[in-house]
Amino acid sequence: MSYREADIMHEDGNYWVLKVKTGLEVYRAGVTHSTRVAQIGWPDDEPKAMGYALREIERRKAADLNAST
């Protein structure tokens, strides 16, 4: 996959949001690569898509914390 740094819309810990033609994608950074964990398909309403992406990151971070306890 090829993207520019300017296409990264948000970063929060191990998670980051990439702007793509179809909307936004959420990735989780790993040791050797990042894995896409969610796709949000609102290319014509970026604020709405970003809201969903941020909630998805918070949900996954909470799940990560619960899994580690």
PDB file of N, CA and C in Angstrom:
ATOM      1  N   MET A   1       0.841  -1.165   0.000  1.00  0.00           N
ATOM      2  CA  MET A   1       0.000   0.000   0.000  1.00  0.00           C
ATOM      3  C   MET A   1       0.890   1.234   0.000  1.00  0.00           C
ATOM      4  N   SER A   2       0.455   2.233  -0.720  1.00  0.00           N
ATOM      5  CA  SER A   2       1.214   3.471  -0.804  1.00  0.00           C
ATOM      6  C   SER A   2       0.333   4.624  -0.339  1.00  0.00           C
ATOM      7  N   TYR A   3       0.842   5.443   0.549  1.00  0.00           N
ATOM      8  CA  TYR A   3       0.118   6.620   1.012  1.00  0.00           C
ATOM      9  C   TYR A   3       1.140   7.671   1.432  1.00  0.00           C
ATOM     10  N   ARG A   4       0.663   8.893   1.559  1.00  0.00           N
ATOM     11  CA  ARG A   4       1.524   9.993   1.992  1.00  0.00           C
ATOM     12  C   ARG A   4       1.287  10.265   3.473  1.00  0.00           C
ATOM     13  N   GLU A   5       2.276  10.833   4.123  1.00  0.00           N
ATOM     14  CA  GLU A   5       2.131  11.169   5.538  1.00  0.00           C
ATOM     15  C   GLU A   5       0.954  12.122   5.748  1.00  0.00           C
ATOM     16  N   ALA A   6       0.708  12.980   4.773  1.00  0.00           N
ATOM     17  CA  ALA A   6      -0.419  13.916   4.865  1.00  0.00           C
ATOM     18  C   ALA A   6      -1.765  13.203   4.893  1.00  0.00           C
ATOM     19  N   ASP A   7      -1.824  11.934   4.447  1.00  0.00           N
ATOM     20  CA  ASP A   7      -3.067  11.164   4.468  1.00  0.00           C
ATOM     21  C   ASP A   7      -3.388  10.595   5.850  1.00  0.00           C
ATOM     22  N   ILE A   8      -2.438  10.664   6.779  1.00  0.00           N
ATOM     23  CA  ILE A   8      -2.691  10.215   8.152  1.00  0.00           C
ATOM     24  C   ILE A   8      -3.424  11.337   8.873  1.00  0.00           C
ATOM     25  N   MET A   9      -4.664  11.055   9.261  1.00  0.00           N
ATOM     26  CA  MET A   9      -5.539  12.082   9.828  1.00  0.00           C
ATOM     27  C   MET A   9      -5.433  12.200  11.347  1.00  0.00           C
ATOM     28  N   HIS A  10      -5.034  11.107  12.006  1.00  0.00           N
ATOM     29  CA  HIS A  10      -5.027  11.109  13.474  1.00  0.00           C
ATOM     30  C   HIS A  10      -4.154   9.962  13.955  1.00  0.00           C
ATOM     31  N   GLU A  11      -3.463  10.169  15.071  1.00  0.00           N
ATOM     32  CA  GLU A  11      -2.699   9.110  15.725  1.00  0.00           C
ATOM     33  C   GLU A  11      -3.013   9.134  17.215  1.00  0.00           C
ATOM     34  N   ASP A  12      -3.153   7.957  17.799  1.00  0.00           N
ATOM     35  CA  ASP A  12      -3.455   7.849  19.227  1.00  0.00           C
ATOM     36  C   ASP A  12      -2.875   6.536  19.736  1.00  0.00           C
ATOM     37  N   GLY A  13      -1.693   6.615  20.348  1.00  0.00           N
ATOM     38  CA  GLY A  13      -1.031   5.409  20.837  1.00  0.00           C
ATOM     39  C   GLY A  13      -0.678   4.504  19.678  1.00  0.00           C
ATOM     40  N   ASN A  14      -1.124   3.261  19.733  1.00  0.00           N
ATOM     41  CA  ASN A  14      -0.845   2.286  18.678  1.00  0.00           C
ATOM     42  C   ASN A  14      -1.807   2.380  17.503  1.00  0.00           C
ATOM     43  N   TYR A  15      -2.760   3.282  17.559  1.00  0.00           N
ATOM     44  CA  TYR A  15      -3.782   3.374  16.517  1.00  0.00           C
ATOM     45  C   TYR A  15      -3.617   4.646  15.697  1.00  0.00           C
ATOM     46  N   TRP A  16      -3.958   4.541  14.424  1.00  0.00           N
ATOM     47  CA  TRP A  16      -3.903   5.711  13.550  1.00  0.00           C
ATOM     48  C   TRP A  16      -4.964   5.606  12.472  1.00  0.00           C
ATOM     49  N   VAL A  17      -5.342   6.767  11.912  1.00  0.00           N
ATOM     50  CA  VAL A  17      -6.432   6.852  10.932  1.00  0.00           C
ATOM     51  C   VAL A  17      -5.870   7.337   9.604  1.00  0.00           C
ATOM     52  N   LEU A  18      -6.176   6.609   8.544  1.00  0.00           N
ATOM     53  CA  LEU A  18      -5.717   6.929   7.194  1.00  0.00           C
ATOM     54  C   LEU A  18      -6.897   7.351   6.331  1.00  0.00           C
ATOM     55  N   LYS A  19      -6.745   8.465   5.617  1.00  0.00           N
ATOM     56  CA  LYS A  19      -7.766   8.909   4.669  1.00  0.00           C
ATOM     57  C   LYS A  19      -7.544   8.179   3.348  1.00  0.00           C
ATOM     58  N   VAL A  20      -8.614   7.531   2.851  1.00  0.00           N
ATOM     59  CA  VAL A  20      -8.574   6.815   1.569  1.00  0.00           C
ATOM     60  C   VAL A  20      -9.755   7.295   0.718  1.00  0.00           C
ATOM     61  N   LYS A  21      -9.805   6.876  -0.531  1.00  0.00           N
ATOM     62  CA  LYS A  21     -10.856   7.322  -1.443  1.00  0.00           C
ATOM     63  C   LYS A  21     -12.255   6.989  -0.942  1.00  0.00           C
ATOM     64  N   THR A  22     -12.398   5.859  -0.277  1.00  0.00           N
ATOM     65  CA  THR A  22     -13.720   5.398   0.158  1.00  0.00           C
ATOM     66  C   THR A  22     -14.107   5.887   1.542  1.00  0.00           C
ATOM     67  N   GLY A  23     -13.260   6.651   2.215  1.00  0.00           N
ATOM     68  CA  GLY A  23     -13.548   7.152   3.557  1.00  0.00           C
ATOM     69  C   GLY A  23     -12.294   7.145   4.406  1.00  0.00           C
ATOM     70  N   LEU A  24     -12.371   6.466   5.549  1.00  0.00           N
ATOM     71  CA  LEU A  24     -11.248   6.377   6.472  1.00  0.00           C
ATOM     72  C   LEU A  24     -10.994   4.924   6.853  1.00  0.00           C
ATOM     73  N   GLU A  25      -9.754   4.624   7.199  1.00  0.00           N
ATOM     74  CA  GLU A  25      -9.390   3.299   7.702  1.00  0.00           C
ATOM     75  C   GLU A  25      -8.622   3.486   9.008  1.00  0.00           C
ATOM     76  N   VAL A  26      -8.889   2.614   9.969  1.00  0.00           N
ATOM     77  CA  VAL A  26      -8.199   2.629  11.257  1.00  0.00           C
ATOM     78  C   VAL A  26      -7.193   1.484  11.265  1.00  0.00           C
ATOM     79  N   TYR A  27      -5.969   1.782  11.682  1.00  0.00           N
ATOM     80  CA  TYR A  27      -4.898   0.790  11.742  1.00  0.00           C
ATOM     81  C   TYR A  27      -4.362   0.669  13.157  1.00  0.00           C
ATOM     82  N   ARG A  28      -3.873  -0.522  13.479  1.00  0.00           N
ATOM     83  CA  ARG A  28      -3.182  -0.765  14.747  1.00  0.00           C
ATOM     84  C   ARG A  28      -1.733  -1.097  14.416  1.00  0.00           C
ATOM     85  N   ALA A  29      -0.818  -0.318  15.003  1.00  0.00           N
ATOM     86  CA  ALA A  29       0.606  -0.520  14.751  1.00  0.00           C
ATOM     87  C   ALA A  29       1.090  -1.756  15.502  1.00  0.00           C
ATOM     88  N   GLY A  30       1.902  -2.546  14.825  1.00  0.00           N
ATOM     89  CA  GLY A  30       2.514  -3.723  15.425  1.00  0.00           C
ATOM     90  C   GLY A  30       4.016  -3.595  15.405  1.00  0.00           C
ATOM     91  N   VAL A  31       4.707  -4.666  15.713  1.00  0.00           N
ATOM     92  CA  VAL A  31       6.164  -4.658  15.764  1.00  0.00           C
ATOM     93  C   VAL A  31       6.757  -4.453  14.375  1.00  0.00           C
ATOM     94  N   THR A  32       6.239  -5.145  13.366  1.00  0.00           N
ATOM     95  CA  THR A  32       6.824  -5.058  12.028  1.00  0.00           C
ATOM     96  C   THR A  32       5.925  -4.374  11.005  1.00  0.00           C
ATOM     97  N   HIS A  33       4.633  -4.243  11.291  1.00  0.00           N
ATOM     98  CA  HIS A  33       3.717  -3.620  10.343  1.00  0.00           C
ATOM     99  C   HIS A  33       2.437  -3.202  11.059  1.00  0.00           C
ATOM    100  N   SER A  34       1.628  -2.414  10.386  1.00  0.00           N
ATOM    101  CA  SER A  34       0.319  -2.031  10.912  1.00  0.00           C
ATOM    102  C   SER A  34      -0.756  -2.876  10.244  1.00  0.00           C
ATOM    103  N   THR A  35      -1.813  -3.149  10.991  1.00  0.00           N
ATOM    104  CA  THR A  35      -2.921  -3.957  10.499  1.00  0.00           C
ATOM    105  C   THR A  35      -4.186  -3.121  10.498  1.00  0.00           C
ATOM    106  N   ARG A  36      -4.907  -3.140   9.385  1.00  0.00           N
ATOM    107  CA  ARG A  36      -6.179  -2.427   9.330  1.00  0.00           C
ATOM    108  C   ARG A  36      -7.179  -3.158  10.218  1.00  0.00           C
ATOM    109  N   VAL A  37      -7.823  -2.407  11.105  1.00  0.00           N
ATOM    110  CA  VAL A  37      -8.778  -3.002  12.033  1.00  0.00           C
ATOM    111  C   VAL A  37     -10.195  -2.492  11.806  1.00  0.00           C
ATOM    112  N   ALA A  38     -10.355  -1.425  11.007  1.00  0.00           N
ATOM    113  CA  ALA A  38     -11.705  -0.908  10.743  1.00  0.00           C
ATOM    114  C   ALA A  38     -11.694  -0.062   9.475  1.00  0.00           C
ATOM    115  N   GLN A  39     -12.845  -0.052   8.793  1.00  0.00           N
ATOM    116  CA  GLN A  39     -13.069   0.806   7.634  1.00  0.00           C
ATOM    117  C   GLN A  39     -14.328   1.620   7.891  1.00  0.00           C
ATOM    118  N   ILE A  40     -14.254   2.924   7.654  1.00  0.00           N
ATOM    119  CA  ILE A  40     -15.403   3.802   7.815  1.00  0.00           C
ATOM    120  C   ILE A  40     -15.651   4.442   6.458  1.00  0.00           C
ATOM    121  N   GLY A  41     -16.782   4.175   5.841  1.00  0.00           N
ATOM    122  CA  GLY A  41     -17.028   4.574   4.465  1.00  0.00           C
ATOM    123  C   GLY A  41     -17.924   5.779   4.288  1.00  0.00           C
ATOM    124  N   TRP A  42     -17.494   6.955   4.711  1.00  0.00           N
ATOM    125  CA  TRP A  42     -18.215   8.193   4.472  1.00  0.00           C
ATOM    126  C   TRP A  42     -17.297   9.191   3.782  1.00  0.00           C
ATOM    127  N   PRO A  43     -16.984   9.001   2.504  1.00  0.00           N
ATOM    128  CA  PRO A  43     -16.049   9.908   1.836  1.00  0.00           C
ATOM    129  C   PRO A  43     -16.589  11.326   1.683  1.00  0.00           C
ATOM    130  N   ASP A  44     -17.919  11.484   1.684  1.00  0.00           N
ATOM    131  CA  ASP A  44     -18.509  12.814   1.498  1.00  0.00           C
ATOM    132  C   ASP A  44     -18.827  13.521   2.814  1.00  0.00           C
ATOM    133  N   ASP A  45     -18.582  12.874   3.949  1.00  0.00           N
ATOM    134  CA  ASP A  45     -18.835  13.488   5.262  1.00  0.00           C
ATOM    135  C   ASP A  45     -17.678  13.146   6.194  1.00  0.00           C
ATOM    136  N   GLU A  46     -16.535  13.791   5.953  1.00  0.00           N
ATOM    137  CA  GLU A  46     -15.321  13.475   6.714  1.00  0.00           C
ATOM    138  C   GLU A  46     -15.467  13.700   8.223  1.00  0.00           C
ATOM    139  N   PRO A  47     -16.121  14.775   8.696  1.00  0.00           N
ATOM    140  CA  PRO A  47     -16.273  14.926  10.156  1.00  0.00           C
ATOM    141  C   PRO A  47     -17.039  13.764  10.798  1.00  0.00           C
ATOM    142  N   LYS A  48     -18.085  13.296  10.130  1.00  0.00           N
ATOM    143  CA  LYS A  48     -18.859  12.167  10.655  1.00  0.00           C
ATOM    144  C   LYS A  48     -18.000  10.904  10.675  1.00  0.00           C
ATOM    145  N   ALA A  49     -17.268  10.666   9.583  1.00  0.00           N
ATOM    146  CA  ALA A  49     -16.387   9.496   9.511  1.00  0.00           C
ATOM    147  C   ALA A  49     -15.309   9.561  10.586  1.00  0.00           C
ATOM    148  N   MET A  50     -14.723  10.743  10.811  1.00  0.00           N
ATOM    149  CA  MET A  50     -13.687  10.879  11.831  1.00  0.00           C
ATOM    150  C   MET A  50     -14.260  10.613  13.217  1.00  0.00           C
ATOM    151  N   GLY A  51     -15.476  11.042  13.467  1.00  0.00           N
ATOM    152  CA  GLY A  51     -16.117  10.746  14.748  1.00  0.00           C
ATOM    153  C   GLY A  51     -16.234   9.254  14.983  1.00  0.00           C
ATOM    154  N   TYR A  52     -16.655   8.521  13.963  1.00  0.00           N
ATOM    155  CA  TYR A  52     -16.742   7.066  14.068  1.00  0.00           C
ATOM    156  C   TYR A  52     -15.363   6.447  14.269  1.00  0.00           C
ATOM    157  N   ALA A  53     -14.360   6.962  13.557  1.00  0.00           N
ATOM    158  CA  ALA A  53     -12.999   6.427  13.680  1.00  0.00           C
ATOM    159  C   ALA A  53     -12.463   6.644  15.096  1.00  0.00           C
ATOM    160  N   LEU A  54     -12.681   7.819  15.659  1.00  0.00           N
ATOM    161  CA  LEU A  54     -12.195   8.103  17.011  1.00  0.00           C
ATOM    162  C   LEU A  54     -12.897   7.230  18.049  1.00  0.00           C
ATOM    163  N   ARG A  55     -14.194   7.014  17.885  1.00  0.00           N
ATOM    164  CA  ARG A  55     -14.912   6.117  18.807  1.00  0.00           C
ATOM    165  C   ARG A  55     -14.415   4.678  18.669  1.00  0.00           C
ATOM    166  N   GLU A  56     -14.106   4.269  17.444  1.00  0.00           N
ATOM    167  CA  GLU A  56     -13.578   2.914  17.227  1.00  0.00           C
ATOM    168  C   GLU A  56     -12.219   2.753  17.915  1.00  0.00           C
ATOM    169  N   ILE A  57     -11.374   3.773  17.830  1.00  0.00           N
ATOM    170  CA  ILE A  57     -10.067   3.719  18.507  1.00  0.00           C
ATOM    171  C   ILE A  57     -10.261   3.619  20.013  1.00  0.00           C
ATOM    172  N   GLU A  58     -11.141   4.433  20.576  1.00  0.00           N
ATOM    173  CA  GLU A  58     -11.384   4.387  22.023  1.00  0.00           C
ATOM    174  C   GLU A  58     -11.925   3.019  22.438  1.00  0.00           C
ATOM    175  N   ARG A  59     -12.825   2.452  21.640  1.00  0.00           N
ATOM    176  CA  ARG A  59     -13.379   1.122  21.947  1.00  0.00           C
ATOM    177  C   ARG A  59     -12.271   0.074  21.945  1.00  0.00           C
ATOM    178  N   ARG A  60     -11.396   0.126  20.963  1.00  0.00           N
ATOM    179  CA  ARG A  60     -10.309  -0.858  20.861  1.00  0.00           C
ATOM    180  C   ARG A  60      -9.270  -0.661  21.964  1.00  0.00           C
ATOM    181  N   LYS A  61      -8.982   0.575  22.329  1.00  0.00           N
ATOM    182  CA  LYS A  61      -8.038   0.828  23.423  1.00  0.00           C
ATOM    183  C   LYS A  61      -8.595   0.281  24.742  1.00  0.00           C
ATOM    184  N   ALA A  62      -9.878   0.448  24.963  1.00  0.00           N
ATOM    185  CA  ALA A  62     -10.516  -0.084  26.176  1.00  0.00           C
ATOM    186  C   ALA A  62     -10.443  -1.614  26.163  1.00  0.00           C
ATOM    187  N   ALA A  63     -10.677  -2.212  25.014  1.00  0.00           N
ATOM    188  CA  ALA A  63     -10.591  -3.676  24.911  1.00  0.00           C
ATOM    189  C   ALA A  63      -9.158  -4.146  25.161  1.00  0.00           C
ATOM    190  N   ASP A  64      -8.175  -3.396  24.672  1.00  0.00           N
ATOM    191  CA  ASP A  64      -6.769  -3.736  24.924  1.00  0.00           C
ATOM    192  C   ASP A  64      -6.477  -3.718  26.416  1.00  0.00           C
ATOM    193  N   LEU A  65      -6.999  -2.702  27.118  1.00  0.00           N
ATOM    194  CA  LEU A  65      -6.774  -2.617  28.564  1.00  0.00           C
ATOM    195  C   LEU A  65      -7.429  -3.776  29.299  1.00  0.00           C
ATOM    196  N   ASN A  66      -8.659  -4.125  28.896  1.00  0.00           N
ATOM    197  CA  ASN A  66      -9.372  -5.240  29.541  1.00  0.00           C
ATOM    198  C   ASN A  66      -8.656  -6.562  29.288  1.00  0.00           C
ATOM    199  N   ALA A  67      -8.069  -6.725  28.123  1.00  0.00           N
ATOM    200  CA  ALA A  67      -7.364  -7.971  27.794  1.00  0.00           C
ATOM    201  C   ALA A  67      -6.066  -8.102  28.576  1.00  0.00           C
ATOM    202  N   SER A  68      -5.462  -6.988  28.959  1.00  0.00           N
ATOM    203  CA  SER A  68      -4.175  -7.044  29.663  1.00  0.00           C
ATOM    204  C   SER A  68      -4.331  -7.185  31.175  1.00  0.00           C
ATOM    205  N   THR A  69      -5.566  -7.119  31.684  1.00  0.00           N
ATOM    206  CA  THR A  69      -5.768  -7.226  33.150  1.00  0.00           C
ATOM    207  C   THR A  69      -6.274  -8.596  33.534  1.00  0.00           C
TER     208      THR A  69
END
